[in-house]
Amino acid sequence: MGDLKSTILQLLASGLKDEVIARRVGMSSRTFRRHLAALMHELGAGSRFQAGVRAAHLGLVN
């Protein structure tokens, strides 16, 4: 998994809102939501929560 994806997953796991994460990684909220949708698709998740659970199960977040 790439650095950006890992960073996004870590920030999601910390409970931050989309707008805050977007600012931290230096992108617009809209661009962030596209990255999040791609991550969710890649993980086979239907929700942010499910994406977090799958990422944790795969050892992608700590």
PDB file of N, CA and C in Angstrom:
ATOM      1  N   MET A   1       0.859  -1.179   0.000  1.00  0.00           N
ATOM      2  CA  MET A   1       0.000   0.000   0.000  1.00  0.00           C
ATOM      3  C   MET A   1       0.898   1.233   0.000  1.00  0.00           C
ATOM      4  N   GLY A   2       0.521   2.236  -0.770  1.00  0.00           N
ATOM      5  CA  GLY A   2       1.329   3.438  -0.896  1.00  0.00           C
ATOM      6  C   GLY A   2       1.317   4.310   0.344  1.00  0.00           C
ATOM      7  N   ASP A   3       2.276   5.227   0.387  1.00  0.00           N
ATOM      8  CA  ASP A   3       2.405   6.122   1.538  1.00  0.00           C
ATOM      9  C   ASP A   3       1.143   6.948   1.769  1.00  0.00           C
ATOM     10  N   LEU A   4       0.562   7.502   0.699  1.00  0.00           N
ATOM     11  CA  LEU A   4      -0.632   8.325   0.847  1.00  0.00           C
ATOM     12  C   LEU A   4      -1.790   7.504   1.399  1.00  0.00           C
ATOM     13  N   LYS A   5      -1.977   6.313   0.862  1.00  0.00           N
ATOM     14  CA  LYS A   5      -3.068   5.449   1.350  1.00  0.00           C
ATOM     15  C   LYS A   5      -2.867   5.096   2.815  1.00  0.00           C
ATOM     16  N   SER A   6      -1.642   4.767   3.178  1.00  0.00           N
ATOM     17  CA  SER A   6      -1.346   4.428   4.573  1.00  0.00           C
ATOM     18  C   SER A   6      -1.615   5.613   5.490  1.00  0.00           C
ATOM     19  N   THR A   7      -1.202   6.796   5.051  1.00  0.00           N
ATOM     20  CA  THR A   7      -1.432   8.005   5.848  1.00  0.00           C
ATOM     21  C   THR A   7      -2.915   8.255   6.025  1.00  0.00           C
ATOM     22  N   ILE A   8      -3.664   8.136   4.946  1.00  0.00           N
ATOM     23  CA  ILE A   8      -5.116   8.349   5.018  1.00  0.00           C
ATOM     24  C   ILE A   8      -5.749   7.343   5.976  1.00  0.00           C
ATOM     25  N   LEU A   9      -5.365   6.085   5.874  1.00  0.00           N
ATOM     26  CA  LEU A   9      -5.929   5.062   6.772  1.00  0.00           C
ATOM     27  C   LEU A   9      -5.595   5.353   8.225  1.00  0.00           C
ATOM     28  N   GLN A  10      -4.369   5.774   8.500  1.00  0.00           N
ATOM     29  CA  GLN A  10      -3.981   6.099   9.879  1.00  0.00           C
ATOM     30  C   GLN A  10      -4.810   7.261  10.413  1.00  0.00           C
ATOM     31  N   LEU A  11      -4.995   8.294   9.588  1.00  0.00           N
ATOM     32  CA  LEU A  11      -5.763   9.455  10.029  1.00  0.00           C
ATOM     33  C   LEU A  11      -7.240   9.111  10.202  1.00  0.00           C
ATOM     34  N   LEU A  12      -7.766   8.270   9.332  1.00  0.00           N
ATOM     35  CA  LEU A  12      -9.154   7.808   9.497  1.00  0.00           C
ATOM     36  C   LEU A  12      -9.299   7.035  10.803  1.00  0.00           C
ATOM     37  N   ALA A  13      -8.324   6.177  11.068  1.00  0.00           N
ATOM     38  CA  ALA A  13      -8.374   5.362  12.283  1.00  0.00           C
ATOM     39  C   ALA A  13      -8.313   6.224  13.538  1.00  0.00           C
ATOM     40  N   SER A  14      -7.709   7.394  13.426  1.00  0.00           N
ATOM     41  CA  SER A  14      -7.618   8.274  14.591  1.00  0.00           C
ATOM     42  C   SER A  14      -8.914   9.049  14.821  1.00  0.00           C
ATOM     43  N   GLY A  15      -9.878   8.890  13.916  1.00  0.00           N
ATOM     44  CA  GLY A  15     -11.197   9.484  14.123  1.00  0.00           C
ATOM     45  C   GLY A  15     -11.369  10.892  13.589  1.00  0.00           C
ATOM     46  N   LEU A  16     -10.440  11.352  12.773  1.00  0.00           N
ATOM     47  CA  LEU A  16     -10.550  12.715  12.236  1.00  0.00           C
ATOM     48  C   LEU A  16     -11.619  12.801  11.157  1.00  0.00           C
ATOM     49  N   LYS A  17     -12.179  13.983  10.993  1.00  0.00           N
ATOM     50  CA  LYS A  17     -13.181  14.220   9.960  1.00  0.00           C
ATOM     51  C   LYS A  17     -12.496  14.375   8.607  1.00  0.00           C
ATOM     52  N   ASP A  18     -13.271  14.148   7.545  1.00  0.00           N
ATOM     53  CA  ASP A  18     -12.741  14.211   6.184  1.00  0.00           C
ATOM     54  C   ASP A  18     -12.017  15.521   5.900  1.00  0.00           C
ATOM     55  N   GLU A  19     -12.612  16.635   6.295  1.00  0.00           N
ATOM     56  CA  GLU A  19     -12.031  17.948   5.999  1.00  0.00           C
ATOM     57  C   GLU A  19     -10.670  18.114   6.668  1.00  0.00           C
ATOM     58  N   VAL A  20     -10.543  17.613   7.879  1.00  0.00           N
ATOM     59  CA  VAL A  20      -9.285  17.716   8.625  1.00  0.00           C
ATOM     60  C   VAL A  20      -8.216  16.854   7.956  1.00  0.00           C
ATOM     61  N   ILE A  21      -8.591  15.643   7.582  1.00  0.00           N
ATOM     62  CA  ILE A  21      -7.638  14.754   6.916  1.00  0.00           C
ATOM     63  C   ILE A  21      -7.192  15.367   5.591  1.00  0.00           C
ATOM     64  N   ALA A  22      -8.130  15.902   4.834  1.00  0.00           N
ATOM     65  CA  ALA A  22      -7.798  16.518   3.545  1.00  0.00           C
ATOM     66  C   ALA A  22      -6.767  17.623   3.729  1.00  0.00           C
ATOM     67  N   ARG A  23      -6.964  18.475   4.724  1.00  0.00           N
ATOM     68  CA  ARG A  23      -5.991  19.549   4.981  1.00  0.00           C
ATOM     69  C   ARG A  23      -4.633  18.987   5.357  1.00  0.00           C
ATOM     70  N   ARG A  24      -4.634  17.959   6.193  1.00  0.00           N
ATOM     71  CA  ARG A  24      -3.356  17.389   6.661  1.00  0.00           C
ATOM     72  C   ARG A  24      -2.547  16.763   5.532  1.00  0.00           C
ATOM     73  N   VAL A  25      -3.226  16.177   4.555  1.00  0.00           N
ATOM     74  CA  VAL A  25      -2.500  15.550   3.443  1.00  0.00           C
ATOM     75  C   VAL A  25      -2.369  16.495   2.254  1.00  0.00           C
ATOM     76  N   GLY A  26      -2.894  17.704   2.380  1.00  0.00           N
ATOM     77  CA  GLY A  26      -2.697  18.730   1.362  1.00  0.00           C
ATOM     78  C   GLY A  26      -3.529  18.583   0.111  1.00  0.00           C
ATOM     79  N   MET A  27      -4.807  18.245   0.282  1.00  0.00           N
ATOM     80  CA  MET A  27      -5.697  18.141  -0.880  1.00  0.00           C
ATOM     81  C   MET A  27      -7.068  18.710  -0.527  1.00  0.00           C
ATOM     82  N   SER A  28      -7.870  18.920  -1.538  1.00  0.00           N
ATOM     83  CA  SER A  28      -9.215  19.428  -1.303  1.00  0.00           C
ATOM     84  C   SER A  28     -10.081  18.313  -0.710  1.00  0.00           C
ATOM     85  N   SER A  29     -11.176  18.717  -0.087  1.00  0.00           N
ATOM     86  CA  SER A  29     -12.100  17.729   0.493  1.00  0.00           C
ATOM     87  C   SER A  29     -12.656  16.808  -0.586  1.00  0.00           C
ATOM     88  N   ARG A  30     -12.930  17.384  -1.742  1.00  0.00           N
ATOM     89  CA  ARG A  30     -13.485  16.589  -2.839  1.00  0.00           C
ATOM     90  C   ARG A  30     -12.480  15.540  -3.322  1.00  0.00           C
ATOM     91  N   THR A  31     -11.225  15.953  -3.478  1.00  0.00           N
ATOM     92  CA  THR A  31     -10.184  15.010  -3.892  1.00  0.00           C
ATOM     93  C   THR A  31      -9.993  13.935  -2.829  1.00  0.00           C
ATOM     94  N   PHE A  32     -10.018  14.338  -1.562  1.00  0.00           N
ATOM     95  CA  PHE A  32      -9.895  13.356  -0.493  1.00  0.00           C
ATOM     96  C   PHE A  32     -11.014  12.329  -0.559  1.00  0.00           C
ATOM     97  N   ARG A  33     -12.237  12.796  -0.779  1.00  0.00           N
ATOM     98  CA  ARG A  33     -13.367  11.860  -0.832  1.00  0.00           C
ATOM     99  C   ARG A  33     -13.210  10.867  -1.985  1.00  0.00           C
ATOM    100  N   ARG A  34     -12.599  11.303  -3.087  1.00  0.00           N
ATOM    101  CA  ARG A  34     -12.334  10.371  -4.194  1.00  0.00           C
ATOM    102  C   ARG A  34     -11.297   9.328  -3.778  1.00  0.00           C
ATOM    103  N   HIS A  35     -10.260   9.769  -3.065  1.00  0.00           N
ATOM    104  CA  HIS A  35      -9.257   8.822  -2.569  1.00  0.00           C
ATOM    105  C   HIS A  35      -9.887   7.851  -1.572  1.00  0.00           C
ATOM    106  N   LEU A  36     -10.739   8.365  -0.704  1.00  0.00           N
ATOM    107  CA  LEU A  36     -11.415   7.515   0.274  1.00  0.00           C
ATOM    108  C   LEU A  36     -12.301   6.481  -0.423  1.00  0.00           C
ATOM    109  N   ALA A  37     -13.037   6.908  -1.437  1.00  0.00           N
ATOM    110  CA  ALA A  37     -13.895   5.979  -2.177  1.00  0.00           C
ATOM    111  C   ALA A  37     -13.058   4.882  -2.836  1.00  0.00           C
ATOM    112  N   ALA A  38     -11.905   5.250  -3.389  1.00  0.00           N
ATOM    113  CA  ALA A  38     -11.030   4.258  -4.016  1.00  0.00           C
ATOM    114  C   ALA A  38     -10.484   3.287  -2.974  1.00  0.00           C
ATOM    115  N   LEU A  39     -10.114   3.808  -1.800  1.00  0.00           N
ATOM    116  CA  LEU A  39      -9.633   2.945  -0.714  1.00  0.00           C
ATOM    117  C   LEU A  39     -10.722   1.969  -0.270  1.00  0.00           C
ATOM    118  N   MET A  40     -11.927   2.492  -0.111  1.00  0.00           N
ATOM    119  CA  MET A  40     -13.041   1.640   0.311  1.00  0.00           C
ATOM    120  C   MET A  40     -13.294   0.546  -0.721  1.00  0.00           C
ATOM    121  N   HIS A  41     -13.223   0.916  -1.990  1.00  0.00           N
ATOM    122  CA  HIS A  41     -13.411  -0.072  -3.061  1.00  0.00           C
ATOM    123  C   HIS A  41     -12.309  -1.127  -3.013  1.00  0.00           C
ATOM    124  N   GLU A  42     -11.069  -0.670  -2.835  1.00  0.00           N
ATOM    125  CA  GLU A  42      -9.924  -1.576  -2.772  1.00  0.00           C
ATOM    126  C   GLU A  42     -10.044  -2.551  -1.606  1.00  0.00           C
ATOM    127  N   LEU A  43     -10.589  -2.078  -0.491  1.00  0.00           N
ATOM    128  CA  LEU A  43     -10.752  -2.921   0.696  1.00  0.00           C
ATOM    129  C   LEU A  43     -12.057  -3.719   0.665  1.00  0.00           C
ATOM    130  N   GLY A  44     -12.912  -3.451  -0.315  1.00  0.00           N
ATOM    131  CA  GLY A  44     -14.196  -4.136  -0.388  1.00  0.00           C
ATOM    132  C   GLY A  44     -15.139  -3.720   0.716  1.00  0.00           C
ATOM    133  N   ALA A  45     -15.050  -2.449   1.097  1.00  0.00           N
ATOM    134  CA  ALA A  45     -15.840  -1.929   2.219  1.00  0.00           C
ATOM    135  C   ALA A  45     -16.977  -1.049   1.720  1.00  0.00           C
ATOM    136  N   GLY A  46     -18.107  -1.140   2.394  1.00  0.00           N
ATOM    137  CA  GLY A  46     -19.262  -0.333   2.045  1.00  0.00           C
ATOM    138  C   GLY A  46     -19.405   0.927   2.887  1.00  0.00           C
ATOM    139  N   SER A  47     -18.564   1.055   3.917  1.00  0.00           N
ATOM    140  CA  SER A  47     -18.627   2.232   4.785  1.00  0.00           C
ATOM    141  C   SER A  47     -17.236   2.539   5.312  1.00  0.00           C
ATOM    142  N   ARG A  48     -17.090   3.740   5.873  1.00  0.00           N
ATOM    143  CA  ARG A  48     -15.811   4.117   6.489  1.00  0.00           C
ATOM    144  C   ARG A  48     -15.476   3.156   7.624  1.00  0.00           C
ATOM    145  N   PHE A  49     -16.486   2.824   8.423  1.00  0.00           N
ATOM    146  CA  PHE A  49     -16.271   1.916   9.552  1.00  0.00           C
ATOM    147  C   PHE A  49     -15.774   0.561   9.058  1.00  0.00           C
ATOM    148  N   GLN A  50     -16.440   0.026   8.071  1.00  0.00           N
ATOM    149  CA  GLN A  50     -16.056  -1.271   7.520  1.00  0.00           C
ATOM    150  C   GLN A  50     -14.640  -1.209   6.928  1.00  0.00           C
ATOM    151  N   ALA A  51     -14.292  -0.098   6.299  1.00  0.00           N
ATOM    152  CA  ALA A  51     -12.941   0.076   5.758  1.00  0.00           C
ATOM    153  C   ALA A  51     -11.921   0.035   6.893  1.00  0.00           C
ATOM    154  N   GLY A  52     -12.234   0.685   7.994  1.00  0.00           N
ATOM    155  CA  GLY A  52     -11.333   0.680   9.149  1.00  0.00           C
ATOM    156  C   GLY A  52     -11.155  -0.701   9.731  1.00  0.00           C
ATOM    157  N   VAL A  53     -12.244  -1.439   9.837  1.00  0.00           N
ATOM    158  CA  VAL A  53     -12.181  -2.801  10.376  1.00  0.00           C
ATOM    159  C   VAL A  53     -11.333  -3.679   9.466  1.00  0.00           C
ATOM    160  N   ARG A  54     -11.558  -3.582   8.175  1.00  0.00           N
ATOM    161  CA  ARG A  54     -10.779  -4.407   7.234  1.00  0.00           C
ATOM    162  C   ARG A  54      -9.310  -4.011   7.221  1.00  0.00           C
ATOM    163  N   ALA A  55      -9.044  -2.712   7.281  1.00  0.00           N
ATOM    164  CA  ALA A  55      -7.653  -2.244   7.311  1.00  0.00           C
ATOM    165  C   ALA A  55      -6.959  -2.764   8.566  1.00  0.00           C
ATOM    166  N   ALA A  56      -7.644  -2.734   9.698  1.00  0.00           N
ATOM    167  CA  ALA A  56      -7.066  -3.247  10.940  1.00  0.00           C
ATOM    168  C   ALA A  56      -6.831  -4.751  10.852  1.00  0.00           C
ATOM    169  N   HIS A  57      -7.797  -5.463  10.304  1.00  0.00           N
ATOM    170  CA  HIS A  57      -7.684  -6.919  10.149  1.00  0.00           C
ATOM    171  C   HIS A  57      -6.488  -7.281   9.260  1.00  0.00           C
ATOM    172  N   LEU A  58      -6.220  -6.463   8.254  1.00  0.00           N
ATOM    173  CA  LEU A  58      -5.101  -6.719   7.342  1.00  0.00           C
ATOM    174  C   LEU A  58      -3.768  -6.179   7.872  1.00  0.00           C
ATOM    175  N   GLY A  59      -3.818  -5.540   9.036  1.00  0.00           N
ATOM    176  CA  GLY A  59      -2.595  -5.001   9.632  1.00  0.00           C
ATOM    177  C   GLY A  59      -2.109  -3.721   8.979  1.00  0.00           C
ATOM    178  N   LEU A  60      -3.024  -2.988   8.337  1.00  0.00           N
ATOM    179  CA  LEU A  60      -2.649  -1.748   7.645  1.00  0.00           C
ATOM    180  C   LEU A  60      -2.651  -0.548   8.566  1.00  0.00           C
ATOM    181  N   VAL A  61      -3.272  -0.668   9.718  1.00  0.00           N
ATOM    182  CA  VAL A  61      -3.270   0.401  10.718  1.00  0.00           C
ATOM    183  C   VAL A  61      -2.905  -0.206  12.067  1.00  0.00           C
ATOM    184  N   ASN A  62      -2.401   0.641  12.942  1.00  0.00           N
ATOM    185  CA  ASN A  62      -2.048   0.118  14.261  1.00  0.00           C
ATOM    186  C   ASN A  62      -2.771   0.834  15.342  1.00  0.00           C
TER     187      ASN A  62
END
